[in-house]
């Protein structure tokens, strides 16, 4: 009888030991996989690189077309001195493009980049959005203000983020909105005034820039490495450039868009 019990006990002990061993082997990989996420590498700001450049335009400078606001007297009165102009294409005096969105499209280290606590403003004034193009980080607030004596309707049209459509009364309280996912670009329209248009670039990191009156851009703080940099324009599309930067290096990256 003792021999029978002993023969039954041995497989049970082996089975329990086997289960215990299996549990240990499963938990170890989980702990090893979780470790890298908990210790994301810090960026050495002292050795960070900088990208500078300009977005140029070639060809005949297109005329900025007038916007007819006569259907809405409140909007028309805001431009009584001179008609409002479309901002689809603005060629600066130095032959560069305003409102081009330049960003590092690929190569940025995968880490949680700090999101600025200061919101980016998007104004509605004179029945026009301003700025025409803005850039924000994912989950950064956008402060939307209506300074006009008429109702507006803010309607972003994202393909990746959640779409929303909200009215804002004349001189009403500002709205704080954000987008959770990277998306370049998100067009914004006003359902009340069809000529109103703006664009928002949403990026997971801080390496982006919107060109202004001189068409130049500066992107600071990049870790050394190889990157794909993209310039986007509302009318002329996108252009990509690959660039490699070393520690503390400042490198020029230029883009050129031909006119139609």
Protein backbone atom coordinates (compact mmCIF):
# COMPACT_ATOMS: atom_id res chain seq x y z
CA UNK A 1 0.00 0.00 0.00
CA UNK A 2 2.86 2.34 0.89
CA UNK A 3 4.41 1.68 -2.51
CA UNK A 4 1.13 2.59 -4.25
CA UNK A 5 0.76 5.86 -2.32
CA UNK A 6 4.37 6.75 -2.96
CA UNK A 7 4.01 6.11 -6.68
CA UNK A 8 0.94 8.41 -6.77
CA UNK A 9 2.65 11.14 -4.73
CA UNK A 10 5.71 11.43 -6.95
CA UNK A 11 3.80 12.55 -10.10
CA UNK A 12 1.79 15.02 -7.99
CA UNK A 13 4.99 16.55 -6.62
CA UNK A 14 6.42 16.73 -10.12
CA UNK A 15 3.16 18.32 -11.43
CA UNK A 16 3.14 20.98 -8.68
CA UNK A 17 6.81 21.70 -9.23
CA UNK A 18 6.17 21.93 -12.94
CA UNK A 19 3.31 24.45 -12.45
CA UNK A 20 5.44 26.49 -10.08
CA UNK A 21 8.27 26.53 -12.57
CA UNK A 22 5.93 27.54 -15.36
CA UNK A 23 4.57 30.47 -13.34
CA UNK A 24 8.11 31.72 -12.63
CA UNK A 25 9.14 31.49 -16.26
CA UNK A 26 6.05 33.48 -17.36
CA UNK A 27 6.53 36.31 -14.87
CA UNK A 28 10.19 36.88 -15.67
CA UNK A 29 9.73 38.02 -19.28
CA UNK A 30 6.93 40.38 -18.23
CA UNK A 31 9.20 42.08 -15.73
CA UNK A 32 12.02 42.31 -18.28
CA UNK A 33 9.66 43.76 -20.93
CA UNK A 34 8.32 46.40 -18.55
CA UNK A 35 11.76 47.65 -17.51
CA UNK A 36 12.66 49.68 -20.65
CA UNK A 37 9.37 51.64 -20.57
CA UNK A 38 10.02 52.64 -16.96
CA UNK A 39 13.46 54.07 -17.77
CA UNK A 40 13.14 56.08 -20.98
CA UNK A 41 16.52 57.59 -21.97
CA UNK A 42 16.94 61.23 -21.10
CA UNK A 43 17.87 63.69 -23.84
CA UNK A 44 21.25 65.36 -23.41
CA UNK A 45 20.26 68.99 -24.04
CA UNK A 46 23.91 70.10 -24.01
CA UNK A 47 24.57 67.98 -27.12
CA UNK A 48 21.27 68.67 -28.91
CA UNK A 49 21.27 69.66 -32.56
CA UNK A 50 19.41 72.41 -34.43
CA UNK A 51 17.78 72.51 -37.84
CA UNK A 52 17.32 75.81 -39.64
CA UNK A 53 16.09 76.65 -43.12
CA UNK A 54 13.53 78.30 -45.31
CA UNK A 55 10.58 77.34 -47.50
CA UNK A 56 11.03 79.01 -50.87
CA UNK A 57 8.62 79.60 -53.74
CA UNK A 58 9.50 79.66 -57.45
CA UNK A 59 7.43 80.96 -60.32
CA UNK A 60 5.04 83.85 -60.68
CA UNK A 61 3.70 85.15 -57.40
CA UNK A 62 -0.05 84.41 -57.28
CA UNK A 63 -2.42 87.23 -56.42
CA UNK A 64 -4.31 86.88 -53.16
CA UNK A 65 -7.98 86.77 -54.07
CA UNK A 66 -10.58 88.93 -52.33
CA UNK A 67 -13.14 87.29 -50.05
CA UNK A 68 -16.74 88.37 -50.56
CA UNK A 69 -18.37 88.78 -47.14
CA UNK A 70 -21.36 90.82 -48.30
CA UNK A 71 -23.76 88.03 -47.30
CA UNK A 72 -22.91 88.74 -43.65
CA UNK A 73 -22.99 92.49 -42.80
CA UNK A 74 -21.22 91.99 -39.46
CA UNK A 75 -18.29 90.37 -41.25
CA UNK A 76 -18.27 92.90 -44.09
CA UNK A 77 -18.11 95.83 -41.64
CA UNK A 78 -14.92 94.41 -40.17
CA UNK A 79 -13.24 94.90 -43.55
CA UNK A 80 -14.84 98.16 -44.64
CA UNK A 81 -11.44 99.75 -45.35
CA UNK A 82 -10.14 96.93 -47.57
CA UNK A 83 -11.53 93.55 -48.52
CA UNK A 84 -10.29 90.47 -46.67
CA UNK A 85 -7.82 88.33 -48.60
CA UNK A 86 -7.60 84.56 -48.95
CA UNK A 87 -4.59 83.15 -47.10
CA UNK A 88 -4.35 79.98 -49.19
CA UNK A 89 -1.04 81.15 -50.67
CA UNK A 90 1.02 83.97 -49.18
CA UNK A 91 4.36 84.57 -50.89
CA UNK A 92 6.60 86.81 -48.80
CA UNK A 93 8.63 89.68 -50.26
CA UNK A 94 11.80 87.53 -50.09
CA UNK A 95 10.28 84.77 -52.25
CA UNK A 96 9.40 82.43 -49.41
CA UNK A 97 6.09 80.91 -48.30
CA UNK A 98 4.19 81.87 -45.18
CA UNK A 99 2.10 79.28 -43.32
CA UNK A 100 4.21 76.26 -44.25
CA UNK A 101 4.25 73.59 -41.52
CA UNK A 102 7.70 72.05 -41.05
CA UNK A 103 8.07 69.05 -38.76
CA UNK A 104 10.31 66.07 -38.07
CA UNK A 105 8.28 63.27 -39.59
CA UNK A 106 10.48 60.29 -38.67
CA UNK A 107 13.51 59.42 -36.54
CA UNK A 108 12.52 61.11 -33.27
CA UNK A 109 13.25 58.86 -30.25
CA UNK A 110 10.17 57.08 -28.91
CA UNK A 111 9.57 58.63 -25.51
CA UNK A 112 7.04 60.70 -23.57
CA UNK A 113 7.83 64.27 -24.53
CA UNK A 114 6.56 66.90 -22.06
CA UNK A 115 3.37 68.58 -23.26
CA UNK A 116 3.39 72.40 -22.86
CA UNK A 117 0.92 73.70 -20.29
CA UNK A 118 0.42 76.93 -22.25
CA UNK A 119 -2.38 76.69 -24.83
CA UNK A 120 -1.98 77.73 -28.46
CA UNK A 121 -4.42 80.46 -29.52
CA UNK A 122 -6.82 80.14 -32.44
CA UNK A 123 -8.74 83.40 -32.87
CA UNK A 124 -11.87 84.27 -34.83
CA UNK A 125 -11.59 87.93 -35.68
CA UNK A 126 -13.04 89.77 -38.65
CA UNK A 127 -14.67 86.46 -39.60
CA UNK A 128 -11.26 84.96 -40.27
CA UNK A 129 -9.30 82.33 -38.37
CA UNK A 130 -5.94 83.45 -37.10
CA UNK A 131 -3.31 82.21 -37.30
CA UNK A 132 -4.16 80.43 -40.54
CA UNK A 133 -1.87 77.53 -39.56
CA UNK A 134 -0.91 76.44 -36.05
CA UNK A 135 1.06 73.57 -34.56
CA UNK A 136 0.45 71.83 -31.22
CA UNK A 137 1.60 68.73 -29.44
CA UNK A 138 -0.79 65.85 -28.88
CA UNK A 139 -3.00 66.65 -25.85
CA UNK A 140 -1.90 70.30 -25.77
CA UNK A 141 -4.75 72.76 -25.28
CA UNK A 142 -5.95 74.98 -28.10
CA UNK A 143 -7.64 78.16 -26.86
CA UNK A 144 -10.40 79.20 -29.28
CA UNK A 145 -11.74 82.76 -28.99
CA UNK A 146 -14.57 84.53 -30.83
CA UNK A 147 -13.96 88.28 -30.88
CA UNK A 148 -16.62 88.97 -33.50
CA UNK A 149 -20.14 90.36 -33.03
CA UNK A 150 -21.54 87.30 -34.82
CA UNK A 151 -21.91 83.61 -34.14
CA UNK A 152 -19.24 81.19 -35.35
CA UNK A 153 -19.15 77.44 -35.70
CA UNK A 154 -15.82 75.65 -35.17
CA UNK A 155 -15.69 72.40 -37.11
CA UNK A 156 -12.36 70.50 -37.35
CA UNK A 157 -12.29 67.68 -39.90
CA UNK A 158 -9.71 65.14 -38.68
CA UNK A 159 -9.22 61.68 -40.19
CA UNK A 160 -7.51 60.11 -37.16
CA UNK A 161 -8.73 62.16 -34.20
CA UNK A 162 -12.32 62.59 -33.08
CA UNK A 163 -14.34 65.09 -35.11
CA UNK A 164 -16.35 67.75 -33.27
CA UNK A 165 -18.55 70.65 -34.25
CA UNK A 166 -19.47 73.41 -31.80
CA UNK A 167 -20.98 76.88 -31.98
CA UNK A 168 -19.48 79.88 -30.24
CA UNK A 169 -21.61 82.98 -29.58
CA UNK A 170 -20.46 86.56 -30.24
CA UNK A 171 -17.71 87.56 -27.80
CA UNK A 172 -18.47 84.36 -25.87
CA UNK A 173 -16.32 82.44 -23.45
CA UNK A 174 -13.20 80.86 -24.90
CA UNK A 175 -13.07 77.12 -25.56
CA UNK A 176 -10.22 74.77 -24.67
CA UNK A 177 -9.86 71.84 -27.05
CA UNK A 178 -7.16 69.24 -27.72
CA UNK A 179 -6.38 66.34 -30.03
CA UNK A 180 -5.03 63.07 -28.62
CA UNK A 181 -3.30 61.65 -31.71
CA UNK A 182 -0.66 62.85 -34.11
CA UNK A 183 -2.21 64.14 -37.33
CA UNK A 184 -0.71 66.46 -39.95
CA UNK A 185 -2.84 68.34 -40.93
CA UNK A 186 -6.37 68.88 -39.57
CA UNK A 187 -8.47 71.36 -41.58
CA UNK A 188 -10.87 73.56 -39.60
CA UNK A 189 -13.91 75.27 -41.12
CA UNK A 190 -16.83 77.39 -39.95
CA UNK A 191 -20.24 76.10 -41.00
CA UNK A 192 -21.67 79.62 -40.78
CA UNK A 193 -19.01 81.37 -42.91
CA UNK A 194 -17.74 79.06 -45.67
CA UNK A 195 -14.64 81.12 -46.45
CA UNK A 196 -13.22 80.61 -42.96
CA UNK A 197 -10.43 78.03 -42.98
CA UNK A 198 -7.56 77.08 -40.73
CA UNK A 199 -5.18 74.13 -40.32
CA UNK A 200 -3.80 72.45 -37.21
CA UNK A 201 -0.71 70.25 -37.14
CA UNK A 202 -0.77 67.81 -34.21
CA UNK A 203 2.58 66.17 -33.41
CA UNK A 204 3.72 63.74 -30.69
CA UNK A 205 6.92 65.72 -30.05
CA UNK A 206 8.00 69.39 -29.94
CA UNK A 207 10.00 69.43 -33.20
CA UNK A 208 7.84 71.51 -35.55
CA UNK A 209 7.53 75.09 -36.79
CA UNK A 210 5.14 77.29 -38.80
CA UNK A 211 6.83 79.72 -41.17
CA UNK A 212 6.03 83.40 -40.88
CA UNK A 213 6.71 86.60 -42.80
CA UNK A 214 10.28 85.61 -43.72
CA UNK A 215 9.58 81.96 -44.58
CA UNK A 216 12.27 80.61 -42.25
CA UNK A 217 12.11 77.98 -39.54
CA UNK A 218 14.21 76.83 -36.58
CA UNK A 219 13.83 73.47 -34.81
CA UNK A 220 15.95 73.16 -31.68
CA UNK A 221 16.72 70.43 -29.16
CA UNK A 222 17.04 67.42 -31.49
CA UNK A 223 19.08 64.45 -30.26
CA UNK A 224 21.88 63.50 -32.68
CA UNK A 225 20.58 61.13 -35.37
CA UNK A 226 19.03 60.65 -38.79
CA UNK A 227 15.66 62.26 -39.49
CA UNK A 228 13.03 62.78 -42.16
CA UNK A 229 11.88 66.40 -42.18
CA UNK A 230 8.68 67.35 -43.99
CA UNK A 231 7.34 70.69 -45.18
CA UNK A 232 3.57 70.88 -45.73
CA UNK A 233 1.71 73.60 -47.59
CA UNK A 234 -2.04 73.98 -48.00
CA UNK A 235 -1.93 74.33 -51.81
CA UNK A 236 1.38 72.79 -52.84
CA UNK A 237 1.37 69.59 -50.78
CA UNK A 238 4.41 68.10 -49.03
CA UNK A 239 8.14 67.65 -49.56
CA UNK A 240 10.47 65.42 -47.53
CA UNK A 241 14.20 65.71 -46.86
CA UNK A 242 16.45 63.27 -45.00
CA UNK A 243 19.09 64.80 -42.77
CA UNK A 244 21.64 63.52 -40.27
CA UNK A 245 22.82 65.75 -37.43
CA UNK A 246 25.66 65.25 -35.00
CA UNK A 247 25.87 66.43 -31.40
CA UNK A 248 25.73 70.23 -31.10
CA UNK A 249 25.48 70.54 -34.88
CA UNK A 250 23.39 73.20 -36.60
CA UNK A 251 22.38 72.21 -40.11
CA UNK A 252 20.44 74.03 -42.82
CA UNK A 253 17.52 72.25 -44.52
CA UNK A 254 15.75 74.15 -47.32
CA UNK A 255 12.56 73.39 -49.22
CA UNK A 256 11.33 74.76 -52.55
CA UNK A 257 7.78 74.64 -53.85
CA UNK A 258 7.14 75.48 -57.52
CA UNK A 259 4.11 77.57 -58.37
CA UNK A 260 1.42 76.30 -60.70
